[in-house]
Each structure stands twice: as structure tokens, then as C-alpha cells.
Amino acid sequence: MTHGLLFQFHFYLFGLLAIAGSLLFVTRKSPVAAALWLVNVMFCISAMFVMLDAQFIGAIQVLVYAGAIMVVFIFVVMLLNLGHPAEVQDLRSNGTRITAGLVGLAMLAEVLVLSRVKLPVELPAPTPGANVTASVADVLFHQYLLPFELTSVLLLAAIVGAVVLAKRRS
């Protein structure tokens, strides 16, 4: 198998895993299980960005979406206390467990294959003084500072609203 076909195979595999994870995300009854499937989707999308030689965007995808936003989401879900665990528990069967095990083995095999295969990556010649992170931060904190701060205030207001709603129920 040539490197191009191997790259294409892995790209489509991560795409299919992302689609399957997103379908499982919208079909879960438990919000915590749904959030975990969404984290799986974010990791698959991050892997696709890394394969497209966009490592910075892949890392930001994991840090911001799979990390920070999902932690806030889980925090709000736990704070709201959505009922008894028996009411929101997902259906557990042997078929579901076997499927989860096979998906886990497929992802483990994926990691092992990608760690041993060196895909040909053509990187541009490094320019002295070029720093991608500094250029992104410069634009974010100078040109887009107001939308960045408004977004953080909006997230804070959403969390405060969730706390107020949770206290009203109890």
C-alpha cells in the first residue's frame, strides 16, 4: 500500500469514526454519555487536522473543544442534577459492549499504525523569526479582543444562569 493510499485510508477512517461518534452523540439519553461521544468526535476531527499538516489547529481543537468547553458542559450538567441515574441511563447490552470494544481496538490499531508509519510530509523551509502561535495570539488579542472577551462573558453568564436554575429547583 503506498503512502498516499495509506493517508487516504486513515483520513476516511477518522472521518467515519467522527460520523459514527456524532450519531451516537445525538442518540444518547444521558447527557454525560453524549458529551463523551462528542469528545470522541473532537479527537477524530483533531486527528484529521493533524493529518492535513495543521498541527496547531489540531491541538487547539483538543484543548479548546474537547478540553475546556466539554468540562464546562459536564460541570453544568452535573450542577443541574437531571434526575435519578436510572432515568437517564443508556441501554447496556452485550452487543453494545462488543461494539465499543471493537471500536476501541480499531482506534488502538490506528494509533499503533500511525506511530510506526512515516508519512511523507513536505514542510516549507523555516523562516527565521516566524512564530505561528505569536501571530495568532497577536491577531486574537489585538484585532479580535472585544469578540474574545464578549464570548468569555457570555459563557460566564450561561454558567451563572445554570446555577440560578439549579438553585430554584432545590
Foldseek 3Di string as FASTA:
>chain_A
DDLVVVLVVLLVVLVVLLVVLQVVLVPALAPLSSLVSVLSNLLSVLVNCVSVVNNVVSVCSCCPPSNDVSVLVVVLSVLLCPDDCVVRPGDDDPVVVVVVVVVVVVVVVVVVVVVPDDRDDDDDDDDPPDDPVVVVVVCCCPVVVVVVVVVVVVSVVVSVVSNVNSVVVD
